[in-house]
Amino acid sequence: MRTWFKDNRPTHGLSDEHYQLIKEIRLAREQWINAQNHLDWVGSMEEEVDYVIYALTTAEKKYDVLLKRAKQLDWTNISYYIS
């Protein structure tokens, strides 16, 4: 029998901390990709370019920090596949 949280997601042996971290990593990755795409389509205004570079750098750092935090957690005994 599967265990379900309030928001109807299966736990698959994940603690709340692990699940939240996975959600944050996915969101940070999406923000990073969006920032990269925005950089491809940025106009020639200097302020806009500066903003997009700042957003891209921030997104990269956030993604990196979250991945480092994930590496520090104990992922043994967890049968979960992140796609």
PDB file of N, CA and C in Angstrom:
ATOM      1  N   MET A   1       0.837  -1.184   0.000  1.00  0.00           N
ATOM      2  CA  MET A   1       0.000   0.000   0.000  1.00  0.00           C
ATOM      3  C   MET A   1       0.879   1.243   0.000  1.00  0.00           C
ATOM      4  N   ARG A   2       0.565   2.193  -0.840  1.00  0.00           N
ATOM      5  CA  ARG A   2       1.338   3.432  -0.918  1.00  0.00           C
ATOM      6  C   ARG A   2       0.865   4.417   0.140  1.00  0.00           C
ATOM      7  N   THR A   3       1.803   5.207   0.587  1.00  0.00           N
ATOM      8  CA  THR A   3       1.473   6.288   1.496  1.00  0.00           C
ATOM      9  C   THR A   3       1.370   7.559   0.670  1.00  0.00           C
ATOM     10  N   TRP A   4       0.384   8.388   0.955  1.00  0.00           N
ATOM     11  CA  TRP A   4       0.175   9.620   0.208  1.00  0.00           C
ATOM     12  C   TRP A   4       0.196  10.806   1.147  1.00  0.00           C
ATOM     13  N   PHE A   5       0.753  11.905   0.670  1.00  0.00           N
ATOM     14  CA  PHE A   5       0.715  13.153   1.417  1.00  0.00           C
ATOM     15  C   PHE A   5      -0.591  13.873   1.110  1.00  0.00           C
ATOM     16  N   LYS A   6      -0.812  14.984   1.762  1.00  0.00           N
ATOM     17  CA  LYS A   6      -2.054  15.749   1.598  1.00  0.00           C
ATOM     18  C   LYS A   6      -2.266  16.212   0.159  1.00  0.00           C
ATOM     19  N   ASP A   7      -1.183  16.481  -0.561  1.00  0.00           N
ATOM     20  CA  ASP A   7      -1.347  16.979  -1.929  1.00  0.00           C
ATOM     21  C   ASP A   7      -1.342  15.842  -2.951  1.00  0.00           C
ATOM     22  N   ASN A   8      -1.694  14.647  -2.506  1.00  0.00           N
ATOM     23  CA  ASN A   8      -1.871  13.471  -3.366  1.00  0.00           C
ATOM     24  C   ASN A   8      -0.614  13.060  -4.126  1.00  0.00           C
ATOM     25  N   ARG A   9       0.500  13.139  -3.494  1.00  0.00           N
ATOM     26  CA  ARG A   9       1.733  12.664  -4.117  1.00  0.00           C
ATOM     27  C   ARG A   9       2.220  11.440  -3.348  1.00  0.00           C
ATOM     28  N   PRO A  10       2.686  10.402  -4.052  1.00  0.00           N
ATOM     29  CA  PRO A  10       3.215   9.243  -3.332  1.00  0.00           C
ATOM     30  C   PRO A  10       4.544   9.601  -2.674  1.00  0.00           C
ATOM     31  N   THR A  11       4.797   9.052  -1.514  1.00  0.00           N
ATOM     32  CA  THR A  11       6.025   9.391  -0.796  1.00  0.00           C
ATOM     33  C   THR A  11       7.222   8.637  -1.335  1.00  0.00           C
ATOM     34  N   HIS A  12       7.057   7.395  -1.738  1.00  0.00           N
ATOM     35  CA  HIS A  12       8.161   6.570  -2.232  1.00  0.00           C
ATOM     36  C   HIS A  12       9.338   6.578  -1.263  1.00  0.00           C
ATOM     37  N   GLY A  13       9.074   6.668   0.002  1.00  0.00           N
ATOM     38  CA  GLY A  13      10.139   6.654   0.990  1.00  0.00           C
ATOM     39  C   GLY A  13      10.820   7.997   1.186  1.00  0.00           C
ATOM     40  N   LEU A  14      10.310   9.044   0.588  1.00  0.00           N
ATOM     41  CA  LEU A  14      10.937  10.359   0.708  1.00  0.00           C
ATOM     42  C   LEU A  14      10.485  11.052   1.982  1.00  0.00           C
ATOM     43  N   SER A  15      11.435  11.668   2.629  1.00  0.00           N
ATOM     44  CA  SER A  15      11.068  12.526   3.749  1.00  0.00           C
ATOM     45  C   SER A  15      10.560  13.836   3.174  1.00  0.00           C
ATOM     46  N   ASP A  16       9.941  14.625   4.016  1.00  0.00           N
ATOM     47  CA  ASP A  16       9.449  15.932   3.572  1.00  0.00           C
ATOM     48  C   ASP A  16      10.601  16.811   3.082  1.00  0.00           C
ATOM     49  N   GLU A  17      11.744  16.717   3.766  1.00  0.00           N
ATOM     50  CA  GLU A  17      12.915  17.509   3.386  1.00  0.00           C
ATOM     51  C   GLU A  17      13.400  17.128   1.988  1.00  0.00           C
ATOM     52  N   HIS A  18      13.457  15.839   1.705  1.00  0.00           N
ATOM     53  CA  HIS A  18      13.894  15.381   0.390  1.00  0.00           C
ATOM     54  C   HIS A  18      12.923  15.848  -0.697  1.00  0.00           C
ATOM     55  N   TYR A  19      11.644  15.683  -0.431  1.00  0.00           N
ATOM     56  CA  TYR A  19      10.646  16.064  -1.426  1.00  0.00           C
ATOM     57  C   TYR A  19      10.698  17.562  -1.714  1.00  0.00           C
ATOM     58  N   GLN A  20      10.790  18.374  -0.679  1.00  0.00           N
ATOM     59  CA  GLN A  20      10.872  19.828  -0.859  1.00  0.00           C
ATOM     60  C   GLN A  20      12.108  20.209  -1.649  1.00  0.00           C
ATOM     61  N   LEU A  21      13.223  19.558  -1.351  1.00  0.00           N
ATOM     62  CA  LEU A  21      14.465  19.857  -2.062  1.00  0.00           C
ATOM     63  C   LEU A  21      14.342  19.505  -3.538  1.00  0.00           C
ATOM     64  N   ILE A  22      13.718  18.388  -3.840  1.00  0.00           N
ATOM     65  CA  ILE A  22      13.522  17.996  -5.240  1.00  0.00           C
ATOM     66  C   ILE A  22      12.655  19.032  -5.953  1.00  0.00           C
ATOM     67  N   LYS A  23      11.597  19.490  -5.300  1.00  0.00           N
ATOM     68  CA  LYS A  23      10.753  20.523  -5.889  1.00  0.00           C
ATOM     69  C   LYS A  23      11.541  21.801  -6.139  1.00  0.00           C
ATOM     70  N   GLU A  24      12.368  22.211  -5.164  1.00  0.00           N
ATOM     71  CA  GLU A  24      13.169  23.430  -5.317  1.00  0.00           C
ATOM     72  C   GLU A  24      14.182  23.285  -6.446  1.00  0.00           C
ATOM     73  N   ILE A  25      14.795  22.115  -6.564  1.00  0.00           N
ATOM     74  CA  ILE A  25      15.788  21.878  -7.627  1.00  0.00           C
ATOM     75  C   ILE A  25      15.118  21.961  -8.989  1.00  0.00           C
ATOM     76  N   ARG A  26      13.955  21.341  -9.120  1.00  0.00           N
ATOM     77  CA  ARG A  26      13.251  21.402 -10.404  1.00  0.00           C
ATOM     78  C   ARG A  26      12.872  22.834 -10.772  1.00  0.00           C
ATOM     79  N   LEU A  27      12.404  23.593  -9.792  1.00  0.00           N
ATOM     80  CA  LEU A  27      12.037  24.988 -10.040  1.00  0.00           C
ATOM     81  C   LEU A  27      13.274  25.817 -10.398  1.00  0.00           C
ATOM     82  N   ALA A  28      14.378  25.615  -9.676  1.00  0.00           N
ATOM     83  CA  ALA A  28      15.606  26.363  -9.958  1.00  0.00           C
ATOM     84  C   ALA A  28      16.137  26.035 -11.351  1.00  0.00           C
ATOM     85  N   ARG A  29      16.048  24.768 -11.744  1.00  0.00           N
ATOM     86  CA  ARG A  29      16.500  24.377 -13.078  1.00  0.00           C
ATOM     87  C   ARG A  29      15.640  25.046 -14.154  1.00  0.00           C
ATOM     88  N   GLU A  30      14.337  25.076 -13.914  1.00  0.00           N
ATOM     89  CA  GLU A  30      13.433  25.728 -14.858  1.00  0.00           C
ATOM     90  C   GLU A  30      13.740  27.221 -14.972  1.00  0.00           C
ATOM     91  N   GLN A  31      14.017  27.872 -13.843  1.00  0.00           N
ATOM     92  CA  GLN A  31      14.360  29.296 -13.855  1.00  0.00           C
ATOM     93  C   GLN A  31      15.676  29.526 -14.585  1.00  0.00           C
ATOM     94  N   TRP A  32      16.629  28.634 -14.411  1.00  0.00           N
ATOM     95  CA  TRP A  32      17.926  28.749 -15.071  1.00  0.00           C
ATOM     96  C   TRP A  32      17.761  28.619 -16.588  1.00  0.00           C
ATOM     97  N   ILE A  33      16.970  27.647 -17.008  1.00  0.00           N
ATOM     98  CA  ILE A  33      16.733  27.451 -18.443  1.00  0.00           C
ATOM     99  C   ILE A  33      16.006  28.661 -19.032  1.00  0.00           C
ATOM    100  N   ASN A  34      15.018  29.172 -18.301  1.00  0.00           N
ATOM    101  CA  ASN A  34      14.297  30.365 -18.772  1.00  0.00           C
ATOM    102  C   ASN A  34      15.235  31.562 -18.901  1.00  0.00           C
ATOM    103  N   ALA A  35      16.147  31.716 -17.946  1.00  0.00           N
ATOM    104  CA  ALA A  35      17.109  32.824 -18.004  1.00  0.00           C
ATOM    105  C   ALA A  35      18.036  32.666 -19.212  1.00  0.00           C
ATOM    106  N   GLN A  36      18.445  31.423 -19.503  1.00  0.00           N
ATOM    107  CA  GLN A  36      19.280  31.183 -20.682  1.00  0.00           C
ATOM    108  C   GLN A  36      18.523  31.538 -21.960  1.00  0.00           C
ATOM    109  N   ASN A  37      17.263  31.129 -22.020  1.00  0.00           N
ATOM    110  CA  ASN A  37      16.447  31.443 -23.208  1.00  0.00           C
ATOM    111  C   ASN A  37      16.231  32.941 -23.345  1.00  0.00           C
ATOM    112  N   HIS A  38      16.044  33.612 -22.225  1.00  0.00           N
ATOM    113  CA  HIS A  38      15.856  35.065 -22.262  1.00  0.00           C
ATOM    114  C   HIS A  38      17.118  35.750 -22.785  1.00  0.00           C
ATOM    115  N   LEU A  39      18.271  35.227 -22.406  1.00  0.00           N
ATOM    116  CA  LEU A  39      19.533  35.796 -22.878  1.00  0.00           C
ATOM    117  C   LEU A  39      19.648  35.676 -24.399  1.00  0.00           C
ATOM    118  N   ASP A  40      19.118  34.594 -24.953  1.00  0.00           N
ATOM    119  CA  ASP A  40      19.152  34.416 -26.407  1.00  0.00           C
ATOM    120  C   ASP A  40      18.308  35.453 -27.140  1.00  0.00           C
ATOM    121  N   TRP A  41      17.275  35.960 -26.473  1.00  0.00           N
ATOM    122  CA  TRP A  41      16.336  36.857 -27.141  1.00  0.00           C
ATOM    123  C   TRP A  41      16.381  38.285 -26.606  1.00  0.00           C
ATOM    124  N   VAL A  42      17.390  38.600 -25.831  1.00  0.00           N
ATOM    125  CA  VAL A  42      17.469  39.932 -25.236  1.00  0.00           C
ATOM    126  C   VAL A  42      17.703  40.990 -26.316  1.00  0.00           C
ATOM    127  N   GLY A  43      17.155  42.155 -26.070  1.00  0.00           N
ATOM    128  CA  GLY A  43      17.336  43.254 -27.012  1.00  0.00           C
ATOM    129  C   GLY A  43      18.707  43.889 -26.860  1.00  0.00           C
ATOM    130  N   SER A  44      18.869  45.035 -27.441  1.00  0.00           N
ATOM    131  CA  SER A  44      20.176  45.694 -27.422  1.00  0.00           C
ATOM    132  C   SER A  44      20.291  46.747 -26.329  1.00  0.00           C
ATOM    133  N   MET A  45      19.238  46.926 -25.531  1.00  0.00           N
ATOM    134  CA  MET A  45      19.300  47.918 -24.456  1.00  0.00           C
ATOM    135  C   MET A  45      20.251  47.425 -23.363  1.00  0.00           C
ATOM    136  N   GLU A  46      21.164  48.293 -22.981  1.00  0.00           N
ATOM    137  CA  GLU A  46      22.189  47.909 -22.012  1.00  0.00           C
ATOM    138  C   GLU A  46      21.587  47.468 -20.686  1.00  0.00           C
ATOM    139  N   GLU A  47      20.556  48.158 -20.226  1.00  0.00           N
ATOM    140  CA  GLU A  47      19.937  47.817 -18.950  1.00  0.00           C
ATOM    141  C   GLU A  47      19.289  46.440 -19.000  1.00  0.00           C
ATOM    142  N   GLU A  48      18.675  46.127 -20.119  1.00  0.00           N
ATOM    143  CA  GLU A  48      18.037  44.827 -20.262  1.00  0.00           C
ATOM    144  C   GLU A  48      19.073  43.711 -20.282  1.00  0.00           C
ATOM    145  N   VAL A  49      20.168  43.936 -20.970  1.00  0.00           N
ATOM    146  CA  VAL A  49      21.248  42.957 -21.019  1.00  0.00           C
ATOM    147  C   VAL A  49      21.809  42.729 -19.614  1.00  0.00           C
ATOM    148  N   ASP A  50      22.031  43.821 -18.880  1.00  0.00           N
ATOM    149  CA  ASP A  50      22.542  43.695 -17.518  1.00  0.00           C
ATOM    150  C   ASP A  50      21.595  42.893 -16.642  1.00  0.00           C
ATOM    151  N   TYR A  51      20.287  43.157 -16.763  1.00  0.00           N
ATOM    152  CA  TYR A  51      19.303  42.446 -15.965  1.00  0.00           C
ATOM    153  C   TYR A  51      19.308  40.957 -16.292  1.00  0.00           C
ATOM    154  N   VAL A  52      19.347  40.625 -17.578  1.00  0.00           N
ATOM    155  CA  VAL A  52      19.306  39.223 -17.985  1.00  0.00           C
ATOM    156  C   VAL A  52      20.560  38.492 -17.512  1.00  0.00           C
ATOM    157  N   ILE A  53      21.710  39.131 -17.599  1.00  0.00           N
ATOM    158  CA  ILE A  53      22.949  38.506 -17.115  1.00  0.00           C
ATOM    159  C   ILE A  53      22.878  38.296 -15.607  1.00  0.00           C
ATOM    160  N   TYR A  54      22.337  39.291 -14.895  1.00  0.00           N
ATOM    161  CA  TYR A  54      22.168  39.154 -13.447  1.00  0.00           C
ATOM    162  C   TYR A  54      21.219  37.999 -13.118  1.00  0.00           C
ATOM    163  N   ALA A  55      20.093  37.912 -13.835  1.00  0.00           N
ATOM    164  CA  ALA A  55      19.116  36.843 -13.596  1.00  0.00           C
ATOM    165  C   ALA A  55      19.717  35.473 -13.898  1.00  0.00           C
ATOM    166  N   LEU A  56      20.498  35.384 -14.967  1.00  0.00           N
ATOM    167  CA  LEU A  56      21.136  34.117 -15.324  1.00  0.00           C
ATOM    168  C   LEU A  56      22.150  33.700 -14.268  1.00  0.00           C
ATOM    169  N   THR A  57      22.970  34.627 -13.829  1.00  0.00           N
ATOM    170  CA  THR A  57      23.974  34.325 -12.801  1.00  0.00           C
ATOM    171  C   THR A  57      23.310  33.898 -11.501  1.00  0.00           C
ATOM    172  N   THR A  58      22.261  34.597 -11.122  1.00  0.00           N
ATOM    173  CA  THR A  58      21.542  34.251  -9.897  1.00  0.00           C
ATOM    174  C   THR A  58      20.911  32.872 -10.004  1.00  0.00           C
ATOM    175  N   ALA A  59      20.292  32.569 -11.119  1.00  0.00           N
ATOM    176  CA  ALA A  59      19.656  31.276 -11.312  1.00  0.00           C
ATOM    177  C   ALA A  59      20.684  30.149 -11.276  1.00  0.00           C
ATOM    178  N   GLU A  60      21.845  30.370 -11.907  1.00  0.00           N
ATOM    179  CA  GLU A  60      22.906  29.355 -11.895  1.00  0.00           C
ATOM    180  C   GLU A  60      23.392  29.083 -10.474  1.00  0.00           C
ATOM    181  N   LYS A  61      23.603  30.142  -9.712  1.00  0.00           N
ATOM    182  CA  LYS A  61      24.089  29.989  -8.344  1.00  0.00           C
ATOM    183  C   LYS A  61      23.062  29.281  -7.466  1.00  0.00           C
ATOM    184  N   LYS A  62      21.803  29.636  -7.627  1.00  0.00           N
ATOM    185  CA  LYS A  62      20.749  28.985  -6.837  1.00  0.00           C
ATOM    186  C   LYS A  62      20.697  27.496  -7.163  1.00  0.00           C
ATOM    187  N   TYR A  63      20.741  27.157  -8.428  1.00  0.00           N
ATOM    188  CA  TYR A  63      20.722  25.755  -8.863  1.00  0.00           C
ATOM    189  C   TYR A  63      21.925  25.004  -8.300  1.00  0.00           C
ATOM    190  N   ASP A  64      23.084  25.628  -8.354  1.00  0.00           N
ATOM    191  CA  ASP A  64      24.310  25.024  -7.847  1.00  0.00           C
ATOM    192  C   ASP A  64      24.226  24.783  -6.332  1.00  0.00           C
ATOM    193  N   VAL A  65      23.739  25.754  -5.595  1.00  0.00           N
ATOM    194  CA  VAL A  65      23.613  25.621  -4.142  1.00  0.00           C
ATOM    195  C   VAL A  65      22.664  24.478  -3.784  1.00  0.00           C
ATOM    196  N   LEU A  66      21.546  24.396  -4.496  1.00  0.00           N
ATOM    197  CA  LEU A  66      20.580  23.336  -4.209  1.00  0.00           C
ATOM    198  C   LEU A  66      21.143  21.956  -4.539  1.00  0.00           C
ATOM    199  N   LEU A  67      21.897  21.846  -5.620  1.00  0.00           N
ATOM    200  CA  LEU A  67      22.514  20.566  -5.954  1.00  0.00           C
ATOM    201  C   LEU A  67      23.551  20.159  -4.904  1.00  0.00           C
ATOM    202  N   LYS A  68      24.308  21.139  -4.411  1.00  0.00           N
ATOM    203  CA  LYS A  68      25.270  20.843  -3.349  1.00  0.00           C
ATOM    204  C   LYS A  68      24.562  20.376  -2.084  1.00  0.00           C
ATOM    205  N   ARG A  69      23.428  21.031  -1.775  1.00  0.00           N
ATOM    206  CA  ARG A  69      22.661  20.615  -0.594  1.00  0.00           C
ATOM    207  C   ARG A  69      22.126  19.194  -0.780  1.00  0.00           C
ATOM    208  N   ALA A  70      21.706  18.859  -1.985  1.00  0.00           N
ATOM    209  CA  ALA A  70      21.197  17.517  -2.261  1.00  0.00           C
ATOM    210  C   ALA A  70      22.297  16.475  -2.104  1.00  0.00           C
ATOM    211  N   LYS A  71      23.506  16.811  -2.497  1.00  0.00           N
ATOM    212  CA  LYS A  71      24.622  15.870  -2.357  1.00  0.00           C
ATOM    213  C   LYS A  71      24.950  15.600  -0.896  1.00  0.00           C
ATOM    214  N   GLN A  72      24.664  16.550  -0.025  1.00  0.00           N
ATOM    215  CA  GLN A  72      24.969  16.392   1.389  1.00  0.00           C
ATOM    216  C   GLN A  72      23.933  15.541   2.120  1.00  0.00           C
ATOM    217  N   LEU A  73      22.741  15.397   1.551  1.00  0.00           N
ATOM    218  CA  LEU A  73      21.696  14.609   2.201  1.00  0.00           C
ATOM    219  C   LEU A  73      21.947  13.119   2.003  1.00  0.00           C
ATOM    220  N   ASP A  74      21.386  12.334   2.891  1.00  0.00           N
ATOM    221  CA  ASP A  74      21.495  10.886   2.801  1.00  0.00           C
ATOM    222  C   ASP A  74      20.385  10.367   1.884  1.00  0.00           C
ATOM    223  N   TRP A  75      20.756   9.865   0.726  1.00  0.00           N
ATOM    224  CA  TRP A  75      19.783   9.372  -0.243  1.00  0.00           C
ATOM    225  C   TRP A  75      19.701   7.860  -0.263  1.00  0.00           C
ATOM    226  N   THR A  76      20.389   7.197   0.660  1.00  0.00           N
ATOM    227  CA  THR A  76      20.282   5.742   0.725  1.00  0.00           C
ATOM    228  C   THR A  76      18.897   5.375   1.227  1.00  0.00           C
ATOM    229  N   ASN A  77      18.459   4.203   0.906  1.00  0.00           N
ATOM    230  CA  ASN A  77      17.145   3.684   1.305  1.00  0.00           C
ATOM    231  C   ASN A  77      15.989   4.475   0.697  1.00  0.00           C
ATOM    232  N   ILE A  78      16.257   5.199  -0.372  1.00  0.00           N
ATOM    233  CA  ILE A  78      15.192   5.933  -1.050  1.00  0.00           C
ATOM    234  C   ILE A  78      15.120   5.422  -2.480  1.00  0.00           C
ATOM    235  N   SER A  79      13.990   4.856  -2.812  1.00  0.00           N
ATOM    236  CA  SER A  79      13.799   4.361  -4.172  1.00  0.00           C
ATOM    237  C   SER A  79      12.970   5.370  -4.942  1.00  0.00           C
ATOM    238  N   TYR A  80      13.644   6.384  -5.449  1.00  0.00           N
ATOM    239  CA  TYR A  80      12.953   7.454  -6.155  1.00  0.00           C
ATOM    240  C   TYR A  80      13.780   7.837  -7.354  1.00  0.00           C
ATOM    241  N   TYR A  81      13.154   7.957  -8.488  1.00  0.00           N
ATOM    242  CA  TYR A  81      13.834   8.326  -9.716  1.00  0.00           C
ATOM    243  C   TYR A  81      13.434   9.735 -10.091  1.00  0.00           C
ATOM    244  N   ILE A  82      14.408  10.599 -10.278  1.00  0.00           N
ATOM    245  CA  ILE A  82      14.146  11.974 -10.681  1.00  0.00           C
ATOM    246  C   ILE A  82      14.380  12.082 -12.170  1.00  0.00           C
ATOM    247  N   SER A  83      13.345  12.417 -12.883  1.00  0.00           N
ATOM    248  CA  SER A  83      13.491  12.530 -14.332  1.00  0.00           C
ATOM    249  C   SER A  83      13.746  13.948 -14.740  1.00  0.00           C
TER     250      SER A  83
END
